[in-house]
Amino acid sequence: MKRIICIGHAALDYIYRIESFPKVPSKVRALEHVESGGGMAANAAATIARLGGKAELWSRVGDDDAAVKIRAGLKSLGVDVRSVQSFEEGRTSTSSIIVDDAGERLIVGARDINMPSGTSWLPLERIKGAGAVLGDVRWLEGLRVSFARARKEGVPTVLDADLGAREALAEVLELTDYAIFSAPALEDFIPELEIGEKLKRVLALGPKHAGVTLGADGYRWMEASGEGHQPGFKVDVVDTTGAGDAFHGAFTLALVEGQPVEACARFACAVAAMKCTRIGSRAGLPTRAQVESFLAARM
């Protein structure tokens, strides 16, 4: 199995589960609290490793306790963290996440704007032997140079297109093979139009696959050969944090394994749904055997 390089965000999450969100600012007692690794690319790498794939993370963290915890959590899952770079002048990203009993959440994240953006330390030569490069939009400089090298080497690129990078997306999409948006990010990038028309416009910018995750409604995609929709799987939702990251990791792994896009979408929807059954970004991540059992029961 070829390794998958995940480039982008790594964070430490502090997650609090409450019964319901108050209507006005107030004191609320947490029913449960966990500390978990987070970040889009880091969660995707964790998902790939948990499913039995080979994942390495290229990311930036500070020289602090949060970074130590992030590395330890990823290493325990089997993720290669040699290219998670610490910077003394930086501060590791953290998030406070409040989750209610319906699984809905409020995320307050802190990212250090002073984190060095340079890419000279990236081991770009490792892309040549990779099965795919999966990147998020939290470190655009690293994303651009990695996707450009992947394009040169003929390695597929998968973009986790989320909010916060609308102005840069058109340029990034020129280097993207599989563009997978969150629903809010797609609306922000191409507002008001019907989803099919939005995806068609994304395809016109360069990718060969344009898709959007729709939460409980699953995944919808479009390619030159046609379009498709994978319905979501019903589960008892505890926490949706990281579900999109899990989807991207699982989709990319299935893609590298040579599965057709319909199978990639079904597999990824199952993994994302199963993740939602436990609190935190990673506690609910299933093994390959668990996913296969889950899908076999829903044929």
C-alpha atoms as a PDB file:
ATOM      1  CA  MET A   1       0.000   0.000   0.000  1.00  0.00           C
ATOM      2  CA  LYS A   2       1.407   3.389  -1.006  1.00  0.00           C
ATOM      3  CA  ARG A   3       1.554   6.023   1.705  1.00  0.00           C
ATOM      4  CA  ILE A   4      -0.756   9.042   1.741  1.00  0.00           C
ATOM      5  CA  ILE A   5       0.715  12.430   2.564  1.00  0.00           C
ATOM      6  CA  CYS A   6      -1.628  14.709   4.512  1.00  0.00           C
ATOM      7  CA  ILE A   7      -0.626  18.358   4.661  1.00  0.00           C
ATOM      8  CA  GLY A   8      -2.196  21.103   6.736  1.00  0.00           C
ATOM      9  CA  HIS A   9      -3.658  21.668  10.142  1.00  0.00           C
ATOM     10  CA  ALA A  10      -2.958  19.911  13.438  1.00  0.00           C
ATOM     11  CA  ALA A  11      -4.519  21.035  16.712  1.00  0.00           C
ATOM     12  CA  LEU A  12      -5.385  20.000  20.236  1.00  0.00           C
ATOM     13  CA  ASP A  13      -9.115  19.967  20.998  1.00  0.00           C
ATOM     14  CA  TYR A  14     -10.816  20.415  24.356  1.00  0.00           C
ATOM     15  CA  ILE A  15     -14.335  19.037  23.962  1.00  0.00           C
ATOM     16  CA  TYR A  16     -17.230  19.563  26.358  1.00  0.00           C
ATOM     17  CA  ARG A  17     -20.560  17.797  26.008  1.00  0.00           C
ATOM     18  CA  ILE A  18     -23.579  19.619  27.416  1.00  0.00           C
ATOM     19  CA  GLU A  19     -27.290  18.870  27.441  1.00  0.00           C
ATOM     20  CA  SER A  20     -28.282  21.864  25.341  1.00  0.00           C
ATOM     21  CA  PHE A  21     -27.058  25.291  24.361  1.00  0.00           C
ATOM     22  CA  PRO A  22     -28.390  28.061  26.617  1.00  0.00           C
ATOM     23  CA  LYS A  23     -30.567  30.726  25.040  1.00  0.00           C
ATOM     24  CA  VAL A  24     -28.516  33.461  26.705  1.00  0.00           C
ATOM     25  CA  PRO A  25     -24.921  33.525  27.997  1.00  0.00           C
ATOM     26  CA  SER A  26     -24.796  31.522  31.208  1.00  0.00           C
ATOM     27  CA  LYS A  27     -22.887  28.936  33.253  1.00  0.00           C
ATOM     28  CA  VAL A  28     -23.422  25.386  32.006  1.00  0.00           C
ATOM     29  CA  ARG A  29     -22.219  22.175  33.575  1.00  0.00           C
ATOM     30  CA  ALA A  30     -20.462  19.729  31.241  1.00  0.00           C
ATOM     31  CA  LEU A  31     -21.781  16.176  31.130  1.00  0.00           C
ATOM     32  CA  GLU A  32     -18.465  14.964  29.742  1.00  0.00           C
ATOM     33  CA  HIS A  33     -15.064  16.402  28.844  1.00  0.00           C
ATOM     34  CA  VAL A  34     -12.282  14.955  26.681  1.00  0.00           C
ATOM     35  CA  GLU A  35      -8.973  16.161  25.332  1.00  0.00           C
ATOM     36  CA  SER A  36      -8.305  14.971  21.794  1.00  0.00           C
ATOM     37  CA  GLY A  37      -6.045  15.545  18.838  1.00  0.00           C
ATOM     38  CA  GLY A  38      -7.706  17.626  16.141  1.00  0.00           C
ATOM     39  CA  GLY A  39      -7.060  19.583  12.963  1.00  0.00           C
ATOM     40  CA  MET A  40      -8.284  18.736   9.474  1.00  0.00           C
ATOM     41  CA  ALA A  41      -5.182  17.137   7.979  1.00  0.00           C
ATOM     42  CA  ALA A  42      -4.204  15.497  11.255  1.00  0.00           C
ATOM     43  CA  ASN A  43      -7.642  13.928  11.661  1.00  0.00           C
ATOM     44  CA  ALA A  44      -7.565  12.687   8.075  1.00  0.00           C
ATOM     45  CA  ALA A  45      -4.162  11.092   8.685  1.00  0.00           C
ATOM     46  CA  ALA A  46      -5.467   9.488  11.892  1.00  0.00           C
ATOM     47  CA  THR A  47      -8.433   8.083   9.968  1.00  0.00           C
ATOM     48  CA  ILE A  48      -6.226   6.568   7.278  1.00  0.00           C
ATOM     49  CA  ALA A  49      -3.960   4.942   9.846  1.00  0.00           C
ATOM     50  CA  ARG A  50      -6.880   3.619  11.881  1.00  0.00           C
ATOM     51  CA  LEU A  51      -8.249   1.994   8.711  1.00  0.00           C
ATOM     52  CA  GLY A  52      -4.952   0.231   8.074  1.00  0.00           C
ATOM     53  CA  GLY A  53      -3.435   2.635   5.565  1.00  0.00           C
ATOM     54  CA  LYS A  54      -0.054   4.370   5.625  1.00  0.00           C
ATOM     55  CA  ALA A  55      -0.289   8.051   6.467  1.00  0.00           C
ATOM     56  CA  GLU A  56       2.243  10.765   7.117  1.00  0.00           C
ATOM     57  CA  LEU A  57       1.458  14.280   8.289  1.00  0.00           C
ATOM     58  CA  TRP A  58       3.196  17.463   7.162  1.00  0.00           C
ATOM     59  CA  SER A  59       2.200  20.198   9.572  1.00  0.00           C
ATOM     60  CA  ARG A  60       3.374  23.070  11.770  1.00  0.00           C
ATOM     61  CA  VAL A  61       3.111  23.230  15.547  1.00  0.00           C
ATOM     62  CA  GLY A  62       4.667  25.272  18.311  1.00  0.00           C
ATOM     63  CA  ASP A  63       7.339  24.168  20.740  1.00  0.00           C
ATOM     64  CA  ASP A  64       4.906  23.556  23.592  1.00  0.00           C
ATOM     65  CA  ASP A  65       2.983  20.929  25.570  1.00  0.00           C
ATOM     66  CA  ALA A  66       0.116  20.860  23.076  1.00  0.00           C
ATOM     67  CA  ALA A  67       2.534  19.855  20.307  1.00  0.00           C
ATOM     68  CA  VAL A  68       3.888  17.010  22.441  1.00  0.00           C
ATOM     69  CA  LYS A  69       0.355  15.699  22.950  1.00  0.00           C
ATOM     70  CA  ILE A  70      -0.483  16.017  19.247  1.00  0.00           C
ATOM     71  CA  ARG A  71       2.557  13.992  18.210  1.00  0.00           C
ATOM     72  CA  ALA A  72       1.961  11.336  20.846  1.00  0.00           C
ATOM     73  CA  GLY A  73      -1.671  10.881  19.833  1.00  0.00           C
ATOM     74  CA  LEU A  74      -0.836  10.509  16.154  1.00  0.00           C
ATOM     75  CA  LYS A  75       2.095   8.154  16.786  1.00  0.00           C
ATOM     76  CA  SER A  76      -0.144   5.925  18.889  1.00  0.00           C
ATOM     77  CA  LEU A  77      -2.328   5.444  15.799  1.00  0.00           C
ATOM     78  CA  GLY A  78       0.623   4.739  13.534  1.00  0.00           C
ATOM     79  CA  VAL A  79       0.849   8.090  11.725  1.00  0.00           C
ATOM     80  CA  ASP A  80       4.336   9.114  10.549  1.00  0.00           C
ATOM     81  CA  VAL A  81       4.981  12.458  12.286  1.00  0.00           C
ATOM     82  CA  ARG A  82       8.586  13.073  11.230  1.00  0.00           C
ATOM     83  CA  SER A  83       7.439  16.080   9.196  1.00  0.00           C
ATOM     84  CA  VAL A  84       5.384  17.692  11.930  1.00  0.00           C
ATOM     85  CA  GLN A  85       7.686  20.659  12.430  1.00  0.00           C
ATOM     86  CA  SER A  86       7.963  22.596  15.705  1.00  0.00           C
ATOM     87  CA  PHE A  87       8.702  26.313  15.706  1.00  0.00           C
ATOM     88  CA  GLU A  88       9.853  28.083  18.870  1.00  0.00           C
ATOM     89  CA  GLU A  89       8.239  31.319  17.751  1.00  0.00           C
ATOM     90  CA  GLY A  90       4.922  29.593  17.022  1.00  0.00           C
ATOM     91  CA  ARG A  91       2.054  28.499  19.203  1.00  0.00           C
ATOM     92  CA  THR A  92       0.194  25.247  18.566  1.00  0.00           C
ATOM     93  CA  SER A  93      -3.430  25.557  17.461  1.00  0.00           C
ATOM     94  CA  THR A  94      -6.082  24.690  20.027  1.00  0.00           C
ATOM     95  CA  SER A  95      -9.877  24.551  19.939  1.00  0.00           C
ATOM     96  CA  SER A  96     -12.631  24.556  22.547  1.00  0.00           C
ATOM     97  CA  ILE A  97     -15.605  22.598  21.253  1.00  0.00           C
ATOM     98  CA  ILE A  98     -19.034  22.560  22.881  1.00  0.00           C
ATOM     99  CA  VAL A  99     -21.296  19.691  21.815  1.00  0.00           C
ATOM    100  CA  ASP A 100     -24.969  19.319  22.726  1.00  0.00           C
ATOM    101  CA  ASP A 101     -26.987  16.122  23.104  1.00  0.00           C
ATOM    102  CA  ALA A 102     -28.058  16.317  19.441  1.00  0.00           C
ATOM    103  CA  GLY A 103     -24.411  16.204  18.337  1.00  0.00           C
ATOM    104  CA  GLU A 104     -24.367  19.798  17.123  1.00  0.00           C
ATOM    105  CA  ARG A 105     -21.352  21.854  18.080  1.00  0.00           C
ATOM    106  CA  LEU A 106     -19.822  25.268  18.613  1.00  0.00           C
ATOM    107  CA  ILE A 107     -16.101  25.513  17.847  1.00  0.00           C
ATOM    108  CA  VAL A 108     -13.853  28.303  19.108  1.00  0.00           C
ATOM    109  CA  GLY A 109     -10.427  27.857  17.555  1.00  0.00           C
ATOM    110  CA  ALA A 110      -7.146  29.676  18.090  1.00  0.00           C
ATOM    111  CA  ARG A 111      -4.493  29.582  15.368  1.00  0.00           C
ATOM    112  CA  ASP A 112      -1.215  31.459  15.685  1.00  0.00           C
ATOM    113  CA  ILE A 113      -1.012  34.036  12.903  1.00  0.00           C
ATOM    114  CA  ASN A 114       2.723  34.348  13.605  1.00  0.00           C
ATOM    115  CA  MET A 115       3.448  30.714  12.682  1.00  0.00           C
ATOM    116  CA  PRO A 116       6.166  30.695   9.964  1.00  0.00           C
ATOM    117  CA  SER A 117       4.649  30.048   6.537  1.00  0.00           C
ATOM    118  CA  GLY A 118       7.840  29.029   4.727  1.00  0.00           C
ATOM    119  CA  THR A 119       8.026  25.649   3.017  1.00  0.00           C
ATOM    120  CA  SER A 120      11.765  25.101   2.472  1.00  0.00           C
ATOM    121  CA  TRP A 121      11.862  22.349   5.098  1.00  0.00           C
ATOM    122  CA  LEU A 122       9.179  20.184   3.451  1.00  0.00           C
ATOM    123  CA  PRO A 123      10.471  16.826   2.101  1.00  0.00           C
ATOM    124  CA  LEU A 124       8.865  17.335  -1.304  1.00  0.00           C
ATOM    125  CA  GLU A 125      10.924  14.530  -2.813  1.00  0.00           C
ATOM    126  CA  ARG A 126       8.764  12.070  -0.862  1.00  0.00           C
ATOM    127  CA  ILE A 127       5.734  12.942  -2.974  1.00  0.00           C
ATOM    128  CA  LYS A 128       7.095  10.964  -5.927  1.00  0.00           C
ATOM    129  CA  GLY A 129       6.423   7.614  -4.266  1.00  0.00           C
ATOM    130  CA  ALA A 130       3.116   8.564  -2.621  1.00  0.00           C
ATOM    131  CA  GLY A 131      -0.320   7.222  -3.499  1.00  0.00           C
ATOM    132  CA  ALA A 132      -1.966  10.620  -3.030  1.00  0.00           C
ATOM    133  CA  VAL A 133      -1.536  14.019  -1.398  1.00  0.00           C
ATOM    134  CA  LEU A 134      -4.454  15.208   0.727  1.00  0.00           C
ATOM    135  CA  GLY A 135      -4.399  18.836   1.800  1.00  0.00           C
ATOM    136  CA  ASP A 136      -6.552  21.281   3.721  1.00  0.00           C
ATOM    137  CA  VAL A 137      -6.705  25.072   3.357  1.00  0.00           C
ATOM    138  CA  ARG A 138      -5.206  26.065   6.715  1.00  0.00           C
ATOM    139  CA  TRP A 139      -1.663  26.415   5.338  1.00  0.00           C
ATOM    140  CA  LEU A 140      -1.963  27.667   1.785  1.00  0.00           C
ATOM    141  CA  GLU A 141       1.765  28.026   1.116  1.00  0.00           C
ATOM    142  CA  GLY A 142       2.389  24.394   2.001  1.00  0.00           C
ATOM    143  CA  LEU A 143      -0.683  23.271   0.081  1.00  0.00           C
ATOM    144  CA  ARG A 144       0.323  25.061  -3.119  1.00  0.00           C
ATOM    145  CA  VAL A 145       3.902  23.785  -3.223  1.00  0.00           C
ATOM    146  CA  SER A 146       2.858  20.217  -2.350  1.00  0.00           C
ATOM    147  CA  PHE A 147       0.064  20.077  -4.905  1.00  0.00           C
ATOM    148  CA  ALA A 148       2.336  21.586  -7.560  1.00  0.00           C
ATOM    149  CA  ARG A 149       4.947  18.894  -6.918  1.00  0.00           C
ATOM    150  CA  ALA A 150       2.277  16.184  -6.925  1.00  0.00           C
ATOM    151  CA  ARG A 151       1.002  17.412 -10.292  1.00  0.00           C
ATOM    152  CA  LYS A 152       4.551  17.279 -11.655  1.00  0.00           C
ATOM    153  CA  GLU A 153       5.000  13.703 -10.364  1.00  0.00           C
ATOM    154  CA  GLY A 154       1.568  12.507 -11.527  1.00  0.00           C
ATOM    155  CA  VAL A 155       0.368  11.881  -7.969  1.00  0.00           C
ATOM    156  CA  PRO A 156      -3.383  12.451  -7.321  1.00  0.00           C
ATOM    157  CA  THR A 157      -4.346  15.401  -5.141  1.00  0.00           C
ATOM    158  CA  VAL A 158      -7.391  15.590  -2.869  1.00  0.00           C
ATOM    159  CA  LEU A 159      -8.487  18.965  -1.500  1.00  0.00           C
ATOM    160  CA  ASP A 160     -10.370  19.383   1.771  1.00  0.00           C
ATOM    161  CA  ALA A 161     -12.075  22.647   0.816  1.00  0.00           C
ATOM    162  CA  ASP A 162     -13.423  24.324   3.938  1.00  0.00           C
ATOM    163  CA  LEU A 163     -14.259  27.870   4.955  1.00  0.00           C
ATOM    164  CA  GLY A 164     -11.557  30.488   5.176  1.00  0.00           C
ATOM    165  CA  ALA A 165      -9.804  30.371   1.810  1.00  0.00           C
ATOM    166  CA  ARG A 166     -12.344  31.608  -0.747  1.00  0.00           C
ATOM    167  CA  GLU A 167      -9.984  34.056  -2.451  1.00  0.00           C
ATOM    168  CA  ALA A 168      -7.272  31.407  -2.922  1.00  0.00           C
ATOM    169  CA  LEU A 169      -9.439  28.482  -3.998  1.00  0.00           C
ATOM    170  CA  ALA A 170      -9.506  29.167  -7.736  1.00  0.00           C
ATOM    171  CA  GLU A 171      -5.701  28.957  -7.885  1.00  0.00           C
ATOM    172  CA  VAL A 172      -5.574  25.826  -5.714  1.00  0.00           C
ATOM    173  CA  LEU A 173      -8.292  24.098  -7.740  1.00  0.00           C
ATOM    174  CA  GLU A 174      -6.094  24.302 -10.837  1.00  0.00           C
ATOM    175  CA  LEU A 175      -3.754  21.848  -9.066  1.00  0.00           C
ATOM    176  CA  THR A 176      -6.511  19.659  -7.618  1.00  0.00           C
ATOM    177  CA  ASP A 177      -7.777  16.332  -8.956  1.00  0.00           C
ATOM    178  CA  TYR A 178     -10.472  15.661  -6.333  1.00  0.00           C
ATOM    179  CA  ALA A 179     -12.089  18.741  -4.793  1.00  0.00           C
ATOM    180  CA  ILE A 180     -14.277  17.842  -1.821  1.00  0.00           C
ATOM    181  CA  PHE A 181     -16.078  20.795  -0.220  1.00  0.00           C
ATOM    182  CA  SER A 182     -18.022  21.146   2.977  1.00  0.00           C
ATOM    183  CA  ALA A 183     -21.507  22.492   2.257  1.00  0.00           C
ATOM    184  CA  PRO A 184     -20.810  25.889   3.921  1.00  0.00           C
ATOM    185  CA  ALA A 185     -17.539  26.265   1.997  1.00  0.00           C
ATOM    186  CA  LEU A 186     -19.189  25.511  -1.337  1.00  0.00           C
ATOM    187  CA  GLU A 187     -21.928  28.051  -0.617  1.00  0.00           C
ATOM    188  CA  ASP A 188     -19.307  30.620   0.372  1.00  0.00           C
ATOM    189  CA  PHE A 189     -17.274  29.984  -2.796  1.00  0.00           C
ATOM    190  CA  ILE A 190     -20.239  29.862  -5.211  1.00  0.00           C
ATOM    191  CA  PRO A 191     -23.300  31.351  -3.486  1.00  0.00           C
ATOM    192  CA  GLU A 192     -26.996  30.951  -4.223  1.00  0.00           C
ATOM    193  CA  LEU A 193     -26.909  28.477  -7.115  1.00  0.00           C
ATOM    194  CA  GLU A 194     -28.251  24.909  -7.022  1.00  0.00           C
ATOM    195  CA  ILE A 195     -25.679  22.316  -5.890  1.00  0.00           C
ATOM    196  CA  GLY A 196     -25.384  20.730  -9.325  1.00  0.00           C
ATOM    197  CA  GLU A 197     -24.558  24.063 -10.923  1.00  0.00           C
ATOM    198  CA  LYS A 198     -22.027  24.818  -8.174  1.00  0.00           C
ATOM    199  CA  LEU A 199     -20.235  21.515  -8.775  1.00  0.00           C
ATOM    200  CA  LYS A 200     -20.242  22.119 -12.520  1.00  0.00           C
ATOM    201  CA  ARG A 201     -18.514  25.450 -11.969  1.00  0.00           C
ATOM    202  CA  VAL A 202     -15.908  23.827  -9.720  1.00  0.00           C
ATOM    203  CA  LEU A 203     -15.143  21.274 -12.441  1.00  0.00           C
ATOM    204  CA  ALA A 204     -14.625  24.103 -14.914  1.00  0.00           C
ATOM    205  CA  LEU A 205     -11.763  25.366 -12.739  1.00  0.00           C
ATOM    206  CA  GLY A 206      -9.672  22.225 -13.208  1.00  0.00           C
ATOM    207  CA  PRO A 207     -10.551  19.246 -10.970  1.00  0.00           C
ATOM    208  CA  LYS A 208     -11.785  16.013 -12.509  1.00  0.00           C
ATOM    209  CA  HIS A 209     -14.015  15.360  -9.487  1.00  0.00           C
ATOM    210  CA  ALA A 210     -16.051  17.910  -7.531  1.00  0.00           C
ATOM    211  CA  GLY A 211     -18.038  16.901  -4.486  1.00  0.00           C
ATOM    212  CA  VAL A 212     -19.719  18.236  -1.374  1.00  0.00           C
ATOM    213  CA  THR A 213     -20.307  16.586   1.984  1.00  0.00           C
ATOM    214  CA  LEU A 214     -23.874  17.096   3.203  1.00  0.00           C
ATOM    215  CA  GLY A 215     -23.816  15.776   6.763  1.00  0.00           C
ATOM    216  CA  ALA A 216     -26.679  13.388   7.387  1.00  0.00           C
ATOM    217  CA  ASP A 217     -27.640  13.673   3.695  1.00  0.00           C
ATOM    218  CA  GLY A 218     -24.390  12.043   2.611  1.00  0.00           C
ATOM    219  CA  TYR A 219     -22.235  13.041  -0.354  1.00  0.00           C
ATOM    220  CA  ARG A 220     -22.961  14.428  -3.790  1.00  0.00           C
ATOM    221  CA  TRP A 221     -20.411  14.582  -6.596  1.00  0.00           C
ATOM    222  CA  MET A 222     -19.922  15.354 -10.268  1.00  0.00           C
ATOM    223  CA  GLU A 223     -17.372  14.278 -12.889  1.00  0.00           C
ATOM    224  CA  ALA A 224     -17.232  14.688 -16.669  1.00  0.00           C
ATOM    225  CA  SER A 225     -18.786  11.222 -17.023  1.00  0.00           C
ATOM    226  CA  GLY A 226     -21.758  12.012 -14.803  1.00  0.00           C
ATOM    227  CA  GLU A 227     -22.834  12.683 -11.242  1.00  0.00           C
ATOM    228  CA  GLY A 228     -23.879  10.723  -8.194  1.00  0.00           C
ATOM    229  CA  HIS A 229     -25.207  10.827  -4.673  1.00  0.00           C
ATOM    230  CA  GLN A 230     -24.393   8.579  -1.717  1.00  0.00           C
ATOM    231  CA  PRO A 231     -27.005   8.902   1.049  1.00  0.00           C
ATOM    232  CA  GLY A 232     -25.777   9.223   4.600  1.00  0.00           C
ATOM    233  CA  PHE A 233     -26.042   6.364   7.094  1.00  0.00           C
ATOM    234  CA  LYS A 234     -28.309   6.696  10.117  1.00  0.00           C
ATOM    235  CA  VAL A 235     -26.505   6.344  13.448  1.00  0.00           C
ATOM    236  CA  ASP A 236     -27.015   7.582  16.997  1.00  0.00           C
ATOM    237  CA  VAL A 237     -25.091  10.854  16.770  1.00  0.00           C
ATOM    238  CA  VAL A 238     -23.054  11.907  19.776  1.00  0.00           C
ATOM    239  CA  ASP A 239     -20.613  14.365  18.223  1.00  0.00           C
ATOM    240  CA  THR A 240     -20.116  15.467  14.606  1.00  0.00           C
ATOM    241  CA  THR A 241     -16.683  17.018  15.257  1.00  0.00           C
ATOM    242  CA  GLY A 242     -14.185  15.742  12.708  1.00  0.00           C
ATOM    243  CA  ALA A 243     -16.732  13.870  10.577  1.00  0.00           C
ATOM    244  CA  GLY A 244     -15.697  15.757   7.448  1.00  0.00           C
ATOM    245  CA  ASP A 245     -12.021  15.094   8.154  1.00  0.00           C
ATOM    246  CA  ALA A 246     -12.762  11.381   8.559  1.00  0.00           C
ATOM    247  CA  PHE A 247     -14.654  11.438   5.251  1.00  0.00           C
ATOM    248  CA  HIS A 248     -11.681  12.956   3.425  1.00  0.00           C
ATOM    249  CA  GLY A 249      -9.227  10.474   4.912  1.00  0.00           C
ATOM    250  CA  ALA A 250     -11.403   7.454   4.135  1.00  0.00           C
ATOM    251  CA  PHE A 251     -12.233   8.661   0.610  1.00  0.00           C
ATOM    252  CA  THR A 252      -8.550   9.184  -0.173  1.00  0.00           C
ATOM    253  CA  LEU A 253      -7.579   5.766   1.172  1.00  0.00           C
ATOM    254  CA  ALA A 254     -10.243   4.043  -0.942  1.00  0.00           C
ATOM    255  CA  LEU A 255      -9.115   6.050  -3.949  1.00  0.00           C
ATOM    256  CA  VAL A 256      -5.488   4.943  -3.509  1.00  0.00           C
ATOM    257  CA  GLU A 257      -6.705   1.355  -3.197  1.00  0.00           C
ATOM    258  CA  GLY A 258      -8.195   1.688  -6.684  1.00  0.00           C
ATOM    259  CA  GLN A 259     -11.857   1.610  -5.715  1.00  0.00           C
ATOM    260  CA  PRO A 260     -14.388   3.291  -8.078  1.00  0.00           C
ATOM    261  CA  VAL A 261     -15.740   6.637  -6.966  1.00  0.00           C
ATOM    262  CA  GLU A 262     -19.117   5.164  -5.925  1.00  0.00           C
ATOM    263  CA  ALA A 263     -17.356   2.752  -3.567  1.00  0.00           C
ATOM    264  CA  CYS A 264     -15.089   5.536  -2.272  1.00  0.00           C
ATOM    265  CA  ALA A 265     -18.137   7.637  -1.421  1.00  0.00           C
ATOM    266  CA  ARG A 266     -19.978   4.784   0.298  1.00  0.00           C
ATOM    267  CA  PHE A 267     -16.919   3.800   2.315  1.00  0.00           C
ATOM    268  CA  ALA A 268     -16.221   7.405   3.354  1.00  0.00           C
ATOM    269  CA  CYS A 269     -19.845   8.053   4.353  1.00  0.00           C
ATOM    270  CA  ALA A 270     -19.771   4.961   6.554  1.00  0.00           C
ATOM    271  CA  VAL A 271     -16.540   5.993   8.271  1.00  0.00           C
ATOM    272  CA  ALA A 272     -17.837   9.537   8.865  1.00  0.00           C
ATOM    273  CA  ALA A 273     -21.093   8.223  10.328  1.00  0.00           C
ATOM    274  CA  MET A 274     -19.327   5.790  12.640  1.00  0.00           C
ATOM    275  CA  LYS A 275     -17.011   8.545  13.870  1.00  0.00           C
ATOM    276  CA  CYS A 276     -20.073  10.496  15.033  1.00  0.00           C
ATOM    277  CA  THR A 277     -21.097   7.813  17.548  1.00  0.00           C
ATOM    278  CA  ARG A 278     -18.507   8.897  20.134  1.00  0.00           C
ATOM    279  CA  ILE A 279     -17.335  12.227  21.489  1.00  0.00           C
ATOM    280  CA  GLY A 280     -14.204  13.746  19.980  1.00  0.00           C
ATOM    281  CA  SER A 281     -12.606  13.690  16.556  1.00  0.00           C
ATOM    282  CA  ARG A 282     -10.949  10.294  16.865  1.00  0.00           C
ATOM    283  CA  ALA A 283     -12.492   8.082  19.549  1.00  0.00           C
ATOM    284  CA  GLY A 284     -15.180   6.908  17.147  1.00  0.00           C
ATOM    285  CA  LEU A 285     -12.867   6.214  14.206  1.00  0.00           C
ATOM    286  CA  PRO A 286     -13.490   2.613  13.127  1.00  0.00           C
ATOM    287  CA  THR A 287     -11.103  -0.121  12.045  1.00  0.00           C
ATOM    288  CA  ARG A 288     -11.377  -1.586   8.558  1.00  0.00           C
ATOM    289  CA  ALA A 289     -13.091  -4.705   9.928  1.00  0.00           C
ATOM    290  CA  GLN A 290     -15.668  -2.563  11.729  1.00  0.00           C
ATOM    291  CA  VAL A 291     -16.444  -0.599   8.567  1.00  0.00           C
ATOM    292  CA  GLU A 292     -16.825  -3.769   6.514  1.00  0.00           C
ATOM    293  CA  SER A 293     -19.208  -5.208   9.110  1.00  0.00           C
ATOM    294  CA  PHE A 294     -21.166  -1.927   9.208  1.00  0.00           C
ATOM    295  CA  LEU A 295     -21.552  -1.885   5.415  1.00  0.00           C
ATOM    296  CA  ALA A 296     -22.360  -5.589   5.131  1.00  0.00           C
ATOM    297  CA  ALA A 297     -25.302  -5.063   7.464  1.00  0.00           C
ATOM    298  CA  ARG A 298     -26.608  -2.321   5.165  1.00  0.00           C
ATOM    299  CA  MET A 299     -26.443  -3.976   1.758  1.00  0.00           C
END
